Protein backbone atom coordinates (compact mmCIF):
# COMPACT_ATOMS: atom_id res chain seq x y z
CA MET A 1 84.59 140.74 100.65
CA LEU A 2 83.69 137.39 99.09
CA LYS A 3 83.06 139.16 95.80
CA GLN A 4 86.57 140.66 95.90
CA PHE A 5 88.07 137.26 96.68
CA PHE A 6 86.35 135.62 93.71
CA ILE A 7 87.42 138.49 91.44
CA LEU A 8 90.98 137.84 92.62
CA CYS A 9 90.51 134.14 91.87
CA SER A 10 89.38 134.97 88.34
CA GLY A 11 92.69 136.62 87.54
CA SER A 12 91.12 139.86 86.41
CA ASP A 13 92.23 143.36 87.33
CA LYS A 14 90.10 144.40 90.30
CA ASP A 15 90.94 148.09 89.83
CA LEU A 16 89.72 147.92 86.25
CA LEU A 17 86.49 146.20 87.31
CA VAL A 18 85.64 148.91 89.87
CA GLY A 19 84.49 151.23 87.10
CA SER A 20 82.69 148.56 85.08
CA SER A 21 79.06 147.49 85.16
CA GLU A 22 77.59 145.18 87.79
CA GLY A 23 77.00 142.51 85.13
CA GLU A 24 80.65 142.50 84.14
CA GLN A 25 81.71 142.20 87.78
CA THR A 26 79.25 139.34 88.29
CA LYS A 27 80.72 137.53 85.29
CA TYR A 28 84.21 137.64 86.81
CA VAL A 29 82.89 136.66 90.24
CA GLY A 30 81.38 133.57 88.60
CA ILE A 31 84.63 132.75 86.83
CA GLY A 32 86.57 133.16 90.07
CA ALA A 33 84.11 131.02 92.02
CA THR A 34 84.42 128.29 89.40
CA VAL A 35 88.22 128.36 89.61
CA PHE A 36 88.12 128.36 93.43
CA PHE A 37 85.63 125.52 93.80
CA THR A 38 87.51 123.46 91.22
CA ALA A 39 90.55 123.76 93.48
CA VAL A 40 88.46 122.84 96.53
CA MET A 41 87.14 119.71 94.81
CA ALA A 42 90.67 118.82 93.69
CA PHE A 43 91.83 119.17 97.30
CA LEU A 44 89.09 116.88 98.60
CA ALA A 45 89.61 114.24 95.93
CA SER A 46 93.40 114.16 96.12
CA SER A 47 93.39 114.22 99.91
CA TYR A 48 90.99 111.32 100.00
CA ALA A 49 93.06 109.40 97.43
CA MET A 50 96.25 109.95 99.42
CA PHE A 51 94.48 109.04 102.66
CA THR A 52 93.50 105.70 101.18
CA VAL A 53 97.11 105.12 100.07
CA PHE A 54 98.99 106.27 103.19
CA ASP A 55 96.22 105.78 105.77
CA SER A 56 97.44 108.97 107.45
CA MET A 57 95.82 112.36 107.49
CA TYR A 58 98.93 114.59 107.42
CA PRO A 59 100.48 113.41 104.13
CA ALA A 60 97.00 113.40 102.60
CA ILE A 61 96.33 117.00 103.61
CA ALA A 62 99.82 118.09 102.53
CA PHE A 63 99.47 116.48 99.10
CA GLY A 64 95.90 117.76 98.73
CA THR A 65 97.03 121.29 99.50
CA VAL A 66 99.91 121.18 97.02
CA TRP A 67 97.74 119.60 94.32
CA SER A 68 94.88 122.07 94.78
CA LEU A 69 97.20 125.09 94.77
CA LEU A 70 98.89 123.80 91.62
CA LEU A 71 95.56 123.36 89.87
CA PHE A 72 94.24 126.66 91.20
CA ASN A 73 97.19 128.62 89.82
CA LEU A 74 97.23 126.77 86.53
CA ASP A 75 93.47 127.15 86.05
CA ARG A 76 93.57 130.82 87.06
CA PHE A 77 96.36 131.46 84.56
CA ILE A 78 94.54 129.68 81.74
CA VAL A 79 91.26 131.49 82.45
CA SER A 80 92.89 134.90 82.77
CA THR A 81 94.75 134.56 79.46
CA ILE A 82 91.76 133.53 77.34
CA ARG A 83 90.78 136.31 74.95
CA LYS A 84 87.75 136.68 72.70
CA ARG A 85 88.29 135.51 69.12
CA ASP A 86 86.13 135.69 66.01
CA GLN A 87 86.83 132.27 64.50
CA PHE A 88 85.73 129.01 66.10
CA GLY A 89 89.06 127.31 65.37
CA SER A 90 91.08 129.93 67.21
CA LYS A 91 88.59 129.90 70.10
CA PHE A 92 88.86 126.12 70.35
CA LEU A 93 92.65 126.16 70.12
CA GLN A 94 92.81 128.74 72.88
CA ALA A 95 90.44 126.69 75.07
CA THR A 96 92.33 123.40 74.52
CA PRO A 97 94.55 123.71 77.65
CA ARG A 98 91.45 124.36 79.76
CA ILE A 99 89.71 121.34 78.25
CA ILE A 100 92.73 119.13 78.93
CA LEU A 101 92.90 120.45 82.49
CA ALA A 102 89.18 119.75 82.94
CA VAL A 103 89.69 116.15 81.83
CA ILE A 104 92.59 115.70 84.25
CA ILE A 105 90.60 117.22 87.10
CA ALA A 106 87.59 115.02 86.26
CA ILE A 107 89.74 111.90 86.40
CA VAL A 108 91.41 112.94 89.66
CA ILE A 109 88.06 113.73 91.27
CA SER A 110 86.12 110.74 89.94
CA LYS A 111 88.58 107.85 90.41
CA PRO A 112 88.80 107.97 94.24
CA LEU A 113 85.03 108.35 94.42
CA GLU A 114 84.54 105.45 92.04
CA ILE A 115 86.87 103.26 94.10
CA LYS A 116 85.00 104.14 97.30
CA ILE A 117 81.59 103.48 95.76
CA PHE A 118 82.63 100.06 94.44
CA GLU A 119 84.86 99.19 97.40
CA LYS A 120 82.81 96.13 98.44
CA GLU A 121 82.79 94.71 94.92
CA ILE A 122 86.52 95.33 94.51
CA ASN A 123 87.29 93.61 97.82
CA THR A 124 85.10 90.66 96.83
CA VAL A 125 86.98 90.24 93.54
CA LEU A 126 90.35 90.61 95.29
CA LEU A 127 89.43 87.89 97.81
CA LYS A 128 88.63 85.47 94.97
């Protein structure tokens, strides 16, 4: 059941994968798990960031849900449309939206964590 869910998350055709090898199915399960857990981490980071802004759980959860679903669908679309290419330049060009999305996700996930880690130092500087 979890395998089917991750295959769905990968954006691949589950009916087509039924007849394929176990290794091929495992590859798409891994891709789907990566897309899913990226969305989970985006939910946690954006919810925490909004909780620190609004100091209320409901807007934070609502925004976190919307943000994670947006990233999940965008990431799933990008991953499912990537095709194998022979030349490095065309591979890199095709992977550029995924790289840009990874940078955005990294910033969204790391900034609230960075603020929380250095909260005491930030408050000390603000008091001065």
